[in-house]
Amino acid sequence: MAETQKTPSGHETLYTGQQFLDALTHNEIATLLEVLIGTLSPDMVENVLDQLQPDTRQTVQTILGPPDPSDPPQEKQAPSVSLAKLEQTWSALWQEWDHIVDEAAQEEGNYIVRERHWEEPYFDSTTFVRDLERVAKEITCGGCIGSSTVWPIVTRAPPGFSNSSCSG
């Protein structure tokens, strides 16, 4: 049985939240959150935020916080994500990568092609590389949460960076 987590005020969080995840679609949960948040006063929102882990709180505040009108207009910013969501996305992408590599090792896998029954099968390296590159792009260029493309999971080295310790 899953262990329940408690908020700082002592409320159990896993049971009810898990029921929502099991019973509703992502869109229904998003609608529920929109309605619930829309009905809360600013003080009530603060009370809710006080019960969250610091990283989760910061992420939610970033999402809920109205843009400062004194800030210059910018291109659409990538939404903030919590470290837990980043870890979940990272893990899912590596699981997908591993699945692709495992599939390539299968004798009857997706990357083994036989055009005619009398011909020898061959490894379809083009499709294999395309599938790996798609996952690699999500890792290096941005993950996808819902319909929003967000942050690169792996950040690139800053300009002028030299990894001279690797040249041997």
N, C-alpha and C. Protein backbone atom coordinates (compact mmCIF):
# COMPACT_ATOMS: atom_id res chain seq x y z
N MET A 1 0.85 -1.18 0.00
CA MET A 1 0.00 0.00 0.00
C MET A 1 0.89 1.24 0.00
N ALA A 2 0.49 2.24 -0.74
CA ALA A 2 1.28 3.47 -0.85
C ALA A 2 1.26 4.23 0.46
N GLU A 3 2.40 4.79 0.77
CA GLU A 3 2.51 5.59 1.99
C GLU A 3 1.96 6.99 1.70
N THR A 4 1.17 7.51 2.61
CA THR A 4 0.62 8.85 2.40
C THR A 4 1.60 9.89 2.88
N GLN A 5 1.60 11.00 2.18
CA GLN A 5 2.42 12.13 2.57
C GLN A 5 1.53 13.11 3.32
N LYS A 6 2.13 13.87 4.19
CA LYS A 6 1.35 14.86 4.94
C LYS A 6 1.86 16.25 4.63
N THR A 7 0.92 17.18 4.58
CA THR A 7 1.28 18.58 4.42
C THR A 7 1.78 19.07 5.78
N PRO A 8 2.44 20.25 5.82
CA PRO A 8 2.88 20.77 7.11
C PRO A 8 1.76 20.91 8.13
N SER A 9 0.53 21.08 7.65
CA SER A 9 -0.59 21.20 8.59
C SER A 9 -1.16 19.84 9.00
N GLY A 10 -0.56 18.75 8.48
CA GLY A 10 -0.97 17.43 8.89
C GLY A 10 -2.00 16.75 8.00
N HIS A 11 -2.39 17.37 6.90
CA HIS A 11 -3.37 16.76 6.00
C HIS A 11 -2.71 15.68 5.15
N GLU A 12 -3.40 14.58 4.95
CA GLU A 12 -2.89 13.55 4.05
C GLU A 12 -3.13 14.02 2.62
N THR A 13 -2.12 13.86 1.76
CA THR A 13 -2.24 14.39 0.40
C THR A 13 -2.36 13.34 -0.67
N LEU A 14 -1.84 12.16 -0.44
CA LEU A 14 -1.77 11.18 -1.51
C LEU A 14 -3.11 10.59 -1.88
N TYR A 15 -3.91 10.24 -0.91
CA TYR A 15 -5.13 9.49 -1.18
C TYR A 15 -6.09 10.25 -2.10
N THR A 16 -6.47 11.44 -1.72
CA THR A 16 -7.44 12.20 -2.53
C THR A 16 -6.84 12.59 -3.87
N GLY A 17 -5.62 13.07 -3.84
CA GLY A 17 -4.96 13.44 -5.09
C GLY A 17 -4.84 12.27 -6.05
N GLN A 18 -4.48 11.11 -5.52
CA GLN A 18 -4.36 9.93 -6.36
C GLN A 18 -5.70 9.51 -6.93
N GLN A 19 -6.77 9.68 -6.14
CA GLN A 19 -8.10 9.37 -6.66
C GLN A 19 -8.43 10.26 -7.86
N PHE A 20 -8.08 11.54 -7.76
CA PHE A 20 -8.32 12.44 -8.90
C PHE A 20 -7.51 11.98 -10.11
N LEU A 21 -6.24 11.64 -9.90
CA LEU A 21 -5.40 11.20 -11.01
C LEU A 21 -5.94 9.93 -11.66
N ASP A 22 -6.47 9.04 -10.84
CA ASP A 22 -7.01 7.78 -11.36
C ASP A 22 -8.35 7.95 -12.05
N ALA A 23 -9.16 8.91 -11.60
CA ALA A 23 -10.54 9.03 -12.07
C ALA A 23 -10.76 10.07 -13.15
N LEU A 24 -9.86 11.05 -13.28
CA LEU A 24 -10.08 12.15 -14.21
C LEU A 24 -8.99 12.21 -15.28
N THR A 25 -9.33 12.78 -16.41
CA THR A 25 -8.33 13.01 -17.46
C THR A 25 -7.49 14.23 -17.07
N HIS A 26 -6.39 14.43 -17.78
CA HIS A 26 -5.55 15.61 -17.52
C HIS A 26 -6.35 16.89 -17.73
N ASN A 27 -7.17 16.92 -18.77
CA ASN A 27 -7.98 18.11 -19.04
C ASN A 27 -9.00 18.36 -17.93
N GLU A 28 -9.60 17.29 -17.41
CA GLU A 28 -10.56 17.45 -16.32
C GLU A 28 -9.86 17.95 -15.05
N ILE A 29 -8.67 17.46 -14.79
CA ILE A 29 -7.90 17.92 -13.63
C ILE A 29 -7.51 19.39 -13.81
N ALA A 30 -7.10 19.75 -15.03
CA ALA A 30 -6.75 21.15 -15.30
C ALA A 30 -7.95 22.06 -15.09
N THR A 31 -9.12 21.63 -15.56
CA THR A 31 -10.34 22.42 -15.37
C THR A 31 -10.67 22.54 -13.88
N LEU A 32 -10.57 21.43 -13.16
CA LEU A 32 -10.83 21.45 -11.73
C LEU A 32 -9.91 22.45 -11.03
N LEU A 33 -8.63 22.42 -11.36
CA LEU A 33 -7.68 23.35 -10.74
C LEU A 33 -8.02 24.80 -11.08
N GLU A 34 -8.37 25.05 -12.33
CA GLU A 34 -8.76 26.41 -12.75
C GLU A 34 -9.93 26.92 -11.91
N VAL A 35 -10.95 26.07 -11.76
CA VAL A 35 -12.13 26.46 -11.00
C VAL A 35 -11.78 26.66 -9.52
N LEU A 36 -11.05 25.71 -8.94
CA LEU A 36 -10.69 25.82 -7.52
C LEU A 36 -9.84 27.06 -7.25
N ILE A 37 -8.83 27.28 -8.06
CA ILE A 37 -7.94 28.43 -7.84
C ILE A 37 -8.71 29.73 -8.06
N GLY A 38 -9.61 29.72 -9.04
CA GLY A 38 -10.40 30.92 -9.30
C GLY A 38 -11.33 31.30 -8.17
N THR A 39 -11.69 30.35 -7.32
CA THR A 39 -12.61 30.65 -6.22
C THR A 39 -11.89 31.02 -4.92
N LEU A 40 -10.57 30.86 -4.90
CA LEU A 40 -9.82 31.14 -3.67
C LEU A 40 -9.44 32.61 -3.56
N SER A 41 -9.54 33.13 -2.38
CA SER A 41 -9.06 34.49 -2.13
C SER A 41 -7.53 34.44 -2.09
N PRO A 42 -6.86 35.59 -2.25
CA PRO A 42 -5.40 35.61 -2.17
C PRO A 42 -4.88 35.04 -0.85
N ASP A 43 -5.58 35.30 0.27
CA ASP A 43 -5.15 34.74 1.56
C ASP A 43 -5.26 33.21 1.57
N MET A 44 -6.32 32.71 0.97
CA MET A 44 -6.49 31.25 0.91
C MET A 44 -5.41 30.62 0.03
N VAL A 45 -5.06 31.28 -1.07
CA VAL A 45 -3.99 30.78 -1.94
C VAL A 45 -2.69 30.73 -1.15
N GLU A 46 -2.39 31.77 -0.39
CA GLU A 46 -1.18 31.77 0.45
C GLU A 46 -1.20 30.62 1.44
N ASN A 47 -2.36 30.37 2.05
CA ASN A 47 -2.49 29.27 3.00
C ASN A 47 -2.19 27.93 2.31
N VAL A 48 -2.70 27.76 1.10
CA VAL A 48 -2.44 26.53 0.35
C VAL A 48 -0.95 26.43 0.02
N LEU A 49 -0.36 27.51 -0.45
CA LEU A 49 1.05 27.51 -0.81
C LEU A 49 1.95 27.20 0.38
N ASP A 50 1.55 27.64 1.56
CA ASP A 50 2.33 27.37 2.77
C ASP A 50 2.42 25.89 3.10
N GLN A 51 1.53 25.09 2.54
CA GLN A 51 1.51 23.65 2.82
C GLN A 51 2.33 22.85 1.82
N LEU A 52 2.92 23.52 0.85
CA LEU A 52 3.68 22.83 -0.19
C LEU A 52 5.17 22.80 0.12
N GLN A 53 5.87 21.86 -0.51
CA GLN A 53 7.32 21.83 -0.42
C GLN A 53 7.86 23.12 -1.06
N PRO A 54 9.01 23.61 -0.59
CA PRO A 54 9.52 24.90 -1.10
C PRO A 54 9.65 24.97 -2.62
N ASP A 55 10.18 23.91 -3.25
CA ASP A 55 10.34 23.94 -4.70
C ASP A 55 8.98 23.96 -5.40
N THR A 56 8.05 23.16 -4.90
CA THR A 56 6.71 23.13 -5.47
C THR A 56 6.03 24.49 -5.29
N ARG A 57 6.19 25.05 -4.12
CA ARG A 57 5.61 26.37 -3.84
C ARG A 57 6.13 27.42 -4.83
N GLN A 58 7.44 27.42 -5.02
CA GLN A 58 8.05 28.40 -5.93
C GLN A 58 7.52 28.22 -7.35
N THR A 59 7.40 26.98 -7.79
CA THR A 59 6.89 26.71 -9.13
C THR A 59 5.44 27.19 -9.27
N VAL A 60 4.61 26.87 -8.28
CA VAL A 60 3.20 27.28 -8.33
C VAL A 60 3.09 28.80 -8.29
N GLN A 61 3.89 29.45 -7.46
CA GLN A 61 3.86 30.92 -7.41
C GLN A 61 4.24 31.52 -8.75
N THR A 62 5.23 30.94 -9.41
CA THR A 62 5.65 31.43 -10.71
C THR A 62 4.51 31.31 -11.72
N ILE A 63 3.80 30.19 -11.66
CA ILE A 63 2.69 29.97 -12.59
C ILE A 63 1.52 30.90 -12.27
N LEU A 64 1.20 31.06 -10.99
CA LEU A 64 0.05 31.87 -10.59
C LEU A 64 0.32 33.36 -10.61
N GLY A 65 1.57 33.73 -10.39
CA GLY A 65 1.90 35.15 -10.25
C GLY A 65 1.65 35.93 -11.51
N PRO A 66 0.96 37.05 -11.39
CA PRO A 66 0.73 37.88 -12.57
C PRO A 66 2.05 38.54 -12.98
N PRO A 67 2.25 38.74 -14.28
CA PRO A 67 3.47 39.41 -14.71
C PRO A 67 3.51 40.84 -14.19
N ASP A 68 4.69 41.25 -13.84
CA ASP A 68 4.89 42.61 -13.34
C ASP A 68 4.72 43.58 -14.51
N PRO A 69 3.76 44.52 -14.42
CA PRO A 69 3.51 45.43 -15.54
C PRO A 69 4.72 46.30 -15.88
N SER A 70 5.64 46.48 -14.93
CA SER A 70 6.81 47.30 -15.22
C SER A 70 7.88 46.55 -16.00
N ASP A 71 7.74 45.21 -16.08
CA ASP A 71 8.70 44.43 -16.86
C ASP A 71 8.46 44.67 -18.34
N PRO A 72 9.56 44.74 -19.14
CA PRO A 72 9.38 44.91 -20.58
C PRO A 72 8.74 43.65 -21.17
N PRO A 73 7.92 43.81 -22.22
CA PRO A 73 7.31 42.64 -22.83
C PRO A 73 8.40 41.72 -23.40
N GLN A 74 8.21 40.43 -23.18
CA GLN A 74 9.18 39.45 -23.66
C GLN A 74 8.47 38.43 -24.51
N GLU A 75 9.28 37.62 -25.18
CA GLU A 75 8.69 36.48 -25.87
C GLU A 75 8.08 35.58 -24.81
N LYS A 76 7.19 34.73 -25.24
CA LYS A 76 6.54 33.83 -24.30
C LYS A 76 7.60 33.03 -23.54
N GLN A 77 7.60 33.18 -22.21
CA GLN A 77 8.57 32.49 -21.38
C GLN A 77 8.16 31.05 -21.19
N ALA A 78 9.18 30.21 -21.06
CA ALA A 78 8.91 28.81 -20.75
C ALA A 78 8.33 28.73 -19.34
N PRO A 79 7.31 27.93 -19.15
CA PRO A 79 6.74 27.82 -17.81
C PRO A 79 7.73 27.20 -16.84
N SER A 80 7.59 27.58 -15.61
CA SER A 80 8.41 27.02 -14.56
C SER A 80 7.95 25.60 -14.29
N VAL A 81 8.89 24.74 -13.95
CA VAL A 81 8.53 23.38 -13.57
C VAL A 81 9.23 23.05 -12.26
N SER A 82 8.62 22.19 -11.49
CA SER A 82 9.23 21.79 -10.22
C SER A 82 10.35 20.79 -10.49
N LEU A 83 11.21 20.64 -9.52
CA LEU A 83 12.28 19.66 -9.64
C LEU A 83 11.71 18.25 -9.77
N ALA A 84 10.61 17.98 -9.07
CA ALA A 84 9.99 16.66 -9.16
C ALA A 84 9.47 16.40 -10.58
N LYS A 85 8.88 17.41 -11.23
CA LYS A 85 8.40 17.25 -12.60
C LYS A 85 9.58 17.08 -13.55
N LEU A 86 10.64 17.82 -13.32
CA LEU A 86 11.84 17.68 -14.13
C LEU A 86 12.39 16.26 -14.01
N GLU A 87 12.45 15.75 -12.78
CA GLU A 87 12.94 14.39 -12.56
C GLU A 87 12.02 13.37 -13.24
N GLN A 88 10.72 13.57 -13.14
CA GLN A 88 9.75 12.67 -13.77
C GLN A 88 9.94 12.66 -15.29
N THR A 89 10.09 13.84 -15.87
CA THR A 89 10.27 13.95 -17.31
C THR A 89 11.59 13.31 -17.74
N TRP A 90 12.65 13.60 -16.99
CA TRP A 90 13.97 13.05 -17.28
C TRP A 90 13.91 11.52 -17.25
N SER A 91 13.29 10.97 -16.23
CA SER A 91 13.18 9.51 -16.08
C SER A 91 12.38 8.91 -17.24
N ALA A 92 11.29 9.55 -17.61
CA ALA A 92 10.45 9.04 -18.70
C ALA A 92 11.21 9.05 -20.03
N LEU A 93 11.98 10.11 -20.26
CA LEU A 93 12.75 10.18 -21.51
C LEU A 93 13.82 9.10 -21.56
N TRP A 94 14.49 8.86 -20.45
CA TRP A 94 15.51 7.81 -20.43
C TRP A 94 14.88 6.43 -20.54
N GLN A 95 13.68 6.24 -19.98
CA GLN A 95 12.98 4.96 -20.16
C GLN A 95 12.64 4.75 -21.63
N GLU A 96 12.22 5.83 -22.29
CA GLU A 96 11.91 5.74 -23.71
C GLU A 96 13.18 5.41 -24.51
N TRP A 97 14.28 6.07 -24.17
CA TRP A 97 15.57 5.80 -24.82
C TRP A 97 15.94 4.32 -24.65
N ASP A 98 15.86 3.83 -23.41
CA ASP A 98 16.20 2.43 -23.14
C ASP A 98 15.29 1.48 -23.90
N HIS A 99 14.00 1.81 -24.00
CA HIS A 99 13.07 0.97 -24.76
C HIS A 99 13.48 0.89 -26.22
N ILE A 100 13.88 2.01 -26.80
CA ILE A 100 14.31 2.04 -28.21
C ILE A 100 15.55 1.16 -28.39
N VAL A 101 16.51 1.31 -27.49
CA VAL A 101 17.74 0.52 -27.58
C VAL A 101 17.42 -0.97 -27.38
N ASP A 102 16.58 -1.29 -26.40
CA ASP A 102 16.18 -2.69 -26.19
C ASP A 102 15.47 -3.26 -27.42
N GLU A 103 14.61 -2.47 -28.02
CA GLU A 103 13.88 -2.91 -29.21
C GLU A 103 14.85 -3.21 -30.35
N ALA A 104 15.92 -2.44 -30.45
CA ALA A 104 16.91 -2.66 -31.51
C ALA A 104 17.64 -3.99 -31.33
N ALA A 105 17.69 -4.50 -30.12
CA ALA A 105 18.39 -5.75 -29.85
C ALA A 105 17.50 -6.98 -30.07
N GLN A 106 16.22 -6.75 -30.32
CA GLN A 106 15.29 -7.86 -30.49
C GLN A 106 15.38 -8.42 -31.92
N GLU A 107 15.39 -9.72 -32.02
CA GLU A 107 15.47 -10.37 -33.33
C GLU A 107 14.26 -10.05 -34.20
N GLU A 108 13.12 -9.89 -33.59
CA GLU A 108 11.89 -9.58 -34.32
C GLU A 108 11.41 -8.15 -33.99
N GLY A 109 12.32 -7.28 -33.60
CA GLY A 109 11.97 -5.95 -33.14
C GLY A 109 11.53 -5.00 -34.24
N ASN A 110 11.15 -3.80 -33.82
CA ASN A 110 10.66 -2.78 -34.75
C ASN A 110 11.72 -2.32 -35.74
N TYR A 111 12.97 -2.53 -35.44
CA TYR A 111 14.03 -2.03 -36.30
C TYR A 111 14.62 -3.12 -37.20
N ILE A 112 13.99 -4.28 -37.22
CA ILE A 112 14.39 -5.36 -38.10
C ILE A 112 13.38 -5.41 -39.24
N VAL A 113 13.89 -5.29 -40.45
CA VAL A 113 13.01 -5.20 -41.62
C VAL A 113 13.30 -6.36 -42.56
N ARG A 114 12.24 -6.93 -43.07
CA ARG A 114 12.35 -7.96 -44.11
C ARG A 114 11.36 -7.54 -45.19
N GLU A 115 11.89 -7.11 -46.33
CA GLU A 115 11.01 -6.61 -47.38
C GLU A 115 10.25 -7.74 -48.08
N ARG A 116 10.91 -8.87 -48.27
CA ARG A 116 10.26 -10.03 -48.88
C ARG A 116 10.59 -11.24 -48.02
N HIS A 117 9.67 -12.17 -47.92
CA HIS A 117 9.84 -13.30 -47.01
C HIS A 117 11.07 -14.14 -47.31
N TRP A 118 11.56 -14.14 -48.54
CA TRP A 118 12.73 -14.95 -48.87
C TRP A 118 14.05 -14.19 -48.65
N GLU A 119 13.96 -12.91 -48.41
CA GLU A 119 15.18 -12.12 -48.18
C GLU A 119 15.58 -12.14 -46.71
N GLU A 120 16.86 -11.95 -46.48
CA GLU A 120 17.36 -11.86 -45.12
C GLU A 120 16.88 -10.54 -44.49
N PRO A 121 16.51 -10.56 -43.23
CA PRO A 121 16.14 -9.30 -42.57
C PRO A 121 17.38 -8.43 -42.36
N TYR A 122 17.15 -7.14 -42.27
CA TYR A 122 18.26 -6.23 -42.02
C TYR A 122 17.84 -5.20 -40.97
N PHE A 123 18.84 -4.60 -40.35
CA PHE A 123 18.62 -3.61 -39.31
C PHE A 123 18.32 -2.27 -39.95
N ASP A 124 17.21 -1.65 -39.59
CA ASP A 124 16.80 -0.35 -40.12
C ASP A 124 17.42 0.75 -39.27
N SER A 125 18.65 1.10 -39.57
CA SER A 125 19.38 2.08 -38.77
C SER A 125 18.79 3.48 -38.92
N THR A 126 18.18 3.78 -40.05
CA THR A 126 17.60 5.11 -40.25
C THR A 126 16.47 5.38 -39.26
N THR A 127 15.56 4.43 -39.12
CA THR A 127 14.45 4.59 -38.19
C THR A 127 14.95 4.58 -36.75
N PHE A 128 15.90 3.71 -36.46
CA PHE A 128 16.49 3.64 -35.12
C PHE A 128 17.11 4.98 -34.73
N VAL A 129 17.92 5.55 -35.60
CA VAL A 129 18.58 6.83 -35.31
C VAL A 129 17.54 7.94 -35.20
N ARG A 130 16.53 7.93 -36.06
CA ARG A 130 15.47 8.96 -36.00
C ARG A 130 14.77 8.93 -34.65
N ASP A 131 14.46 7.73 -34.18
CA ASP A 131 13.76 7.61 -32.90
C ASP A 131 14.65 8.06 -31.74
N LEU A 132 15.93 7.69 -31.76
CA LEU A 132 16.85 8.15 -30.71
C LEU A 132 17.04 9.66 -30.77
N GLU A 133 17.14 10.21 -31.97
CA GLU A 133 17.33 11.67 -32.10
C GLU A 133 16.12 12.44 -31.59
N ARG A 134 14.93 11.88 -31.78
CA ARG A 134 13.73 12.54 -31.26
C ARG A 134 13.80 12.65 -29.73
N VAL A 135 14.18 11.57 -29.07
CA VAL A 135 14.31 11.58 -27.61
C VAL A 135 15.45 12.51 -27.19
N ALA A 136 16.57 12.42 -27.89
CA ALA A 136 17.72 13.28 -27.57
C ALA A 136 17.35 14.76 -27.72
N LYS A 137 16.55 15.07 -28.71
CA LYS A 137 16.12 16.47 -28.90
C LYS A 137 15.29 16.95 -27.71
N GLU A 138 14.42 16.09 -27.20
CA GLU A 138 13.62 16.46 -26.04
C GLU A 138 14.50 16.67 -24.81
N ILE A 139 15.56 15.86 -24.71
CA ILE A 139 16.47 15.98 -23.56
C ILE A 139 17.28 17.27 -23.67
N THR A 140 17.78 17.58 -24.85
CA THR A 140 18.68 18.72 -24.99
C THR A 140 18.00 20.03 -25.37
N CYS A 141 16.87 19.95 -26.06
CA CYS A 141 16.23 21.18 -26.53
C CYS A 141 15.00 21.57 -25.75
N GLY A 142 14.37 20.63 -25.12
CA GLY A 142 13.20 20.96 -24.33
C GLY A 142 12.29 19.78 -24.18
N GLY A 143 11.75 19.65 -22.98
CA GLY A 143 10.77 18.61 -22.74
C GLY A 143 9.41 19.12 -23.13
N CYS A 144 8.45 18.30 -23.04
CA CYS A 144 7.10 18.71 -23.38
C CYS A 144 6.19 18.39 -22.21
N ILE A 145 5.56 19.41 -21.70
CA ILE A 145 4.60 19.22 -20.62
C ILE A 145 3.28 19.75 -21.14
N GLY A 146 2.34 18.86 -21.25
CA GLY A 146 1.05 19.27 -21.83
C GLY A 146 1.29 19.71 -23.25
N SER A 147 0.89 20.90 -23.57
CA SER A 147 1.09 21.40 -24.92
C SER A 147 2.18 22.45 -24.96
N SER A 148 2.88 22.65 -23.85
CA SER A 148 3.91 23.68 -23.78
C SER A 148 5.30 23.07 -23.84
N THR A 149 6.11 23.57 -24.74
CA THR A 149 7.51 23.15 -24.76
C THR A 149 8.22 23.95 -23.70
N VAL A 150 9.01 23.29 -22.90
CA VAL A 150 9.68 23.95 -21.79
C VAL A 150 11.17 23.67 -21.81
N TRP A 151 11.92 24.47 -21.07
CA TRP A 151 13.34 24.35 -20.75
C TRP A 151 14.06 23.16 -21.34
N PRO A 152 15.27 23.38 -21.69
CA PRO A 152 16.08 22.21 -22.00
C PRO A 152 16.38 21.47 -20.71
N ILE A 153 16.27 20.18 -20.72
CA ILE A 153 16.58 19.41 -19.52
C ILE A 153 18.08 19.44 -19.28
N VAL A 154 18.83 19.30 -20.36
CA VAL A 154 20.28 19.39 -20.26
C VAL A 154 20.66 20.75 -20.81
N THR A 155 21.28 21.56 -19.98
CA THR A 155 21.67 22.88 -20.46
C THR A 155 23.01 22.78 -21.17
N ARG A 156 23.19 23.65 -22.10
CA ARG A 156 24.43 23.66 -22.87
C ARG A 156 25.46 24.52 -22.15
N ALA A 157 26.71 24.26 -22.47
CA ALA A 157 27.79 25.03 -21.85
C ALA A 157 27.70 26.48 -22.30
N PRO A 158 28.07 27.41 -21.42
CA PRO A 158 28.03 28.82 -21.79
C PRO A 158 29.08 29.13 -22.85
N PRO A 159 28.89 30.22 -23.60
CA PRO A 159 29.87 30.60 -24.62
C PRO A 159 31.26 30.73 -23.99
N GLY A 160 32.26 30.25 -24.68
CA GLY A 160 33.63 30.34 -24.18
C GLY A 160 34.04 29.19 -23.31
N PHE A 161 33.10 28.27 -23.02
CA PHE A 161 33.43 27.13 -22.17
C PHE A 161 34.36 26.20 -22.92
N SER A 162 35.37 25.72 -22.25
CA SER A 162 36.30 24.78 -22.85
C SER A 162 36.49 23.62 -21.89
N ASN A 163 36.24 22.44 -22.37
CA ASN A 163 36.43 21.26 -21.54
C ASN A 163 37.77 20.63 -21.88
N SER A 164 38.83 21.31 -21.52
CA SER A 164 40.17 20.86 -21.87
C SER A 164 40.56 19.60 -21.10
N SER A 165 39.88 19.33 -19.99
CA SER A 165 40.23 18.15 -19.20
C SER A 165 39.85 16.85 -19.91
N CYS A 166 38.97 16.93 -20.92
CA CYS A 166 38.56 15.72 -21.63
C CYS A 166 39.46 15.41 -22.81
N SER A 167 40.19 16.39 -23.30
CA SER A 167 41.06 16.10 -24.45
C SER A 167 42.31 15.43 -23.93
N GLY A 168 42.61 14.33 -24.55
CA GLY A 168 43.67 13.58 -23.95
C GLY A 168 44.79 13.32 -24.77
